[in-house]
Amino acid sequence: MDTLLDCRVCLEEIPADTNSETEEYVSYFCGLDCYQQWHQLAPQVEEQQAA
């Protein structure tokens, strides 16, 4: 059985074997759209956590 990871944004399941470097990642994304959406929201989340 293959290990599945969850996309950080949309929670879509991603097969872990799609990239050999996945062991080094903290967050996983199913595609560029989800990564860009996360990247835009990340500073807002950091500001909220600091307050």
Protein backbone atom coordinates (compact mmCIF):
# COMPACT_ATOMS: atom_id res chain seq x y z
CA MET A 1 0.00 0.00 0.00
CA ASP A 2 1.34 3.42 -0.99
CA THR A 3 1.68 6.17 1.56
CA LEU A 4 -0.61 9.14 0.94
CA LEU A 5 0.07 12.71 1.98
CA ASP A 6 -2.49 15.52 2.25
CA CYS A 7 -2.23 18.77 0.31
CA ARG A 8 -1.76 21.60 2.83
CA VAL A 9 -4.48 23.73 1.16
CA CYS A 10 -7.20 21.54 -0.36
CA LEU A 11 -6.46 18.30 1.57
CA GLU A 12 -6.37 16.25 -1.65
CA GLU A 13 -4.42 13.03 -1.21
CA ILE A 14 -1.00 12.96 -2.87
CA PRO A 15 1.00 9.74 -3.36
CA ALA A 16 4.28 10.07 -1.45
CA ASP A 17 6.22 8.40 -4.25
CA THR A 18 5.50 11.21 -6.75
CA ASN A 19 8.70 12.96 -5.68
CA SER A 20 11.87 11.50 -4.22
CA GLU A 21 12.44 14.60 -2.07
CA THR A 22 9.15 14.45 -0.15
CA GLU A 23 10.85 13.20 3.01
CA GLU A 24 12.48 16.62 3.39
CA TYR A 25 9.26 18.65 3.13
CA VAL A 26 7.16 19.96 6.00
CA SER A 27 4.13 20.92 3.86
CA TYR A 28 2.87 19.22 0.72
CA PHE A 29 0.92 20.67 -2.19
CA CYS A 30 -0.97 18.91 -4.97
CA GLY A 31 -0.03 21.58 -7.49
CA LEU A 32 1.18 25.06 -8.18
CA ASP A 33 -2.25 26.63 -7.60
CA CYS A 34 -2.42 25.33 -4.02
CA TYR A 35 1.19 26.32 -3.36
CA GLN A 36 0.56 29.88 -4.60
CA GLN A 37 -2.61 30.16 -2.52
CA TRP A 38 -0.73 28.98 0.58
CA HIS A 39 2.18 31.32 -0.15
CA GLN A 40 -0.17 34.33 -0.32
CA LEU A 41 -1.87 33.42 2.97
CA ALA A 42 1.28 32.51 4.95
CA PRO A 43 2.24 36.10 5.96
CA GLN A 44 -1.31 36.75 7.20
CA VAL A 45 -1.23 33.64 9.38
CA GLU A 46 2.17 34.59 10.82
CA GLU A 47 0.87 38.07 11.74
CA GLN A 48 -2.17 36.58 13.48
CA GLN A 49 0.00 34.16 15.46
CA ALA A 50 2.34 36.97 16.55
CA ALA A 51 -0.53 39.12 17.86
